C-alpha atoms as a PDB file:
ATOM      1  CA  UNK A   1     136.837 -18.798 -95.113  1.00  0.00           C
ATOM      2  CA  UNK A   2     138.780 -15.596 -94.559  1.00  0.00           C
ATOM      3  CA  UNK A   3     142.459 -15.184 -95.360  1.00  0.00           C
ATOM      4  CA  UNK A   4     144.386 -12.127 -94.216  1.00  0.00           C
ATOM      5  CA  UNK A   5     146.722 -11.112 -97.023  1.00  0.00           C
ATOM      6  CA  UNK A   6     149.835  -8.976 -96.626  1.00  0.00           C
ATOM      7  CA  UNK A   7     149.730  -5.951 -98.972  1.00  0.00           C
ATOM      8  CA  UNK A   8     153.454  -6.473 -99.653  1.00  0.00           C
ATOM      9  CA  UNK A   9     152.824  -9.862-101.290  1.00  0.00           C
ATOM     10  CA  UNK A  10     152.556 -10.171-105.039  1.00  0.00           C
ATOM     11  CA  UNK A  11     149.286 -11.253-106.625  1.00  0.00           C
ATOM     12  CA  UNK A  12     150.677 -14.759-107.144  1.00  0.00           C
ATOM     13  CA  UNK A  13     151.737 -15.026-103.507  1.00  0.00           C
ATOM     14  CA  UNK A  14     148.300 -13.832-102.395  1.00  0.00           C
ATOM     15  CA  UNK A  15     146.565 -16.385-104.637  1.00  0.00           C
ATOM     16  CA  UNK A  16     148.867 -19.135-103.358  1.00  0.00           C
ATOM     17  CA  UNK A  17     148.066 -18.219 -99.751  1.00  0.00           C
ATOM     18  CA  UNK A  18     144.356 -18.324-100.558  1.00  0.00           C
ATOM     19  CA  UNK A  19     144.662 -21.740-102.243  1.00  0.00           C
ATOM     20  CA  UNK A  20     146.687 -23.117 -99.339  1.00  0.00           C
ATOM     21  CA  UNK A  21     143.924 -22.058 -96.950  1.00  0.00           C
ATOM     22  CA  UNK A  22     141.292 -23.732 -99.153  1.00  0.00           C
ATOM     23  CA  UNK A  23     143.281 -26.980 -99.342  1.00  0.00           C
ATOM     24  CA  UNK A  24     143.769 -26.958 -95.567  1.00  0.00           C
ATOM     25  CA  UNK A  25     140.000 -26.637 -95.175  1.00  0.00           C
ATOM     26  CA  UNK A  26     139.384 -29.537 -97.551  1.00  0.00           C
ATOM     27  CA  UNK A  27     141.926 -31.770 -95.845  1.00  0.00           C
ATOM     28  CA  UNK A  28     140.373 -31.006 -92.469  1.00  0.00           C
ATOM     29  CA  UNK A  29     136.882 -32.036 -93.564  1.00  0.00           C
ATOM     30  CA  UNK A  30     135.596 -35.523 -92.769  1.00  0.00           C
ATOM     31  CA  UNK A  31     136.212 -38.130 -95.457  1.00  0.00           C
ATOM     32  CA  UNK A  32     133.266 -39.680 -97.288  1.00  0.00           C
ATOM     33  CA  UNK A  33     131.952 -43.117 -96.418  1.00  0.00           C
ATOM     34  CA  UNK A  34     134.195 -45.951 -97.547  1.00  0.00           C
ATOM     35  CA  UNK A  35     131.556 -48.344 -98.857  1.00  0.00           C
ATOM     36  CA  UNK A  36     128.903 -47.878-101.502  1.00  0.00           C
ATOM     37  CA  UNK A  37     126.011 -48.844 -99.221  1.00  0.00           C
ATOM     38  CA  UNK A  38     126.777 -46.010 -96.827  1.00  0.00           C
ATOM     39  CA  UNK A  39     127.347 -43.608 -99.698  1.00  0.00           C
ATOM     40  CA  UNK A  40     124.239 -44.449-101.712  1.00  0.00           C
ATOM     41  CA  UNK A  41     122.035 -45.912 -99.018  1.00  0.00           C
ATOM     42  CA  UNK A  42     120.528 -49.344 -98.906  1.00  0.00           C
ATOM     43  CA  UNK A  43     117.408 -50.023-100.916  1.00  0.00           C
ATOM     44  CA  UNK A  44     114.655 -51.859 -99.168  1.00  0.00           C
ATOM     45  CA  UNK A  45     112.729 -54.608-100.853  1.00  0.00           C
ATOM     46  CA  UNK A  46     109.777 -52.394-101.667  1.00  0.00           C
ATOM     47  CA  UNK A  47     107.709 -51.562-104.725  1.00  0.00           C
ATOM     48  CA  UNK A  48     110.101 -48.815-105.822  1.00  0.00           C
ATOM     49  CA  UNK A  49     113.212 -51.022-105.734  1.00  0.00           C
ATOM     50  CA  UNK A  50     111.432 -53.907-107.463  1.00  0.00           C
ATOM     51  CA  UNK A  51     110.286 -51.518-110.227  1.00  0.00           C
ATOM     52  CA  UNK A  52     113.849 -50.209-110.608  1.00  0.00           C
ATOM     53  CA  UNK A  53     115.137 -53.793-110.868  1.00  0.00           C
ATOM     54  CA  UNK A  54     112.492 -54.663-113.480  1.00  0.00           C
ATOM     55  CA  UNK A  55     113.225 -51.583-115.580  1.00  0.00           C
ATOM     56  CA  UNK A  56     116.954 -52.236-115.371  1.00  0.00           C
ATOM     57  CA  UNK A  57     116.467 -55.803-116.547  1.00  0.00           C
ATOM     58  CA  UNK A  58     114.246 -54.647-119.445  1.00  0.00           C
ATOM     59  CA  UNK A  59     116.881 -52.143-120.507  1.00  0.00           C
ATOM     60  CA  UNK A  60     119.712 -54.710-120.326  1.00  0.00           C
ATOM     61  CA  UNK A  61     117.656 -57.102-122.473  1.00  0.00           C
ATOM     62  CA  UNK A  62     116.953 -54.359-125.041  1.00  0.00           C
ATOM     63  CA  UNK A  63     120.633 -53.506-125.507  1.00  0.00           C
ATOM     64  CA  UNK A  64     121.786 -57.127-125.797  1.00  0.00           C
ATOM     65  CA  UNK A  65     119.176 -58.152-128.398  1.00  0.00           C
END
């Protein structure tokens, strides 16, 4: 991102112009997915997901005992 700065502007005005350009770039970018499945991906019922479920259950049992 390139911002052309006027040499007559103060340092604060130059920094503000730079920040405004950065914010404009952020606002113009596509928004993230709205649901967790699209964001994280869906886990298939495979060995990896079953192992993760088992380990999660073991951990939950260990902290509640």
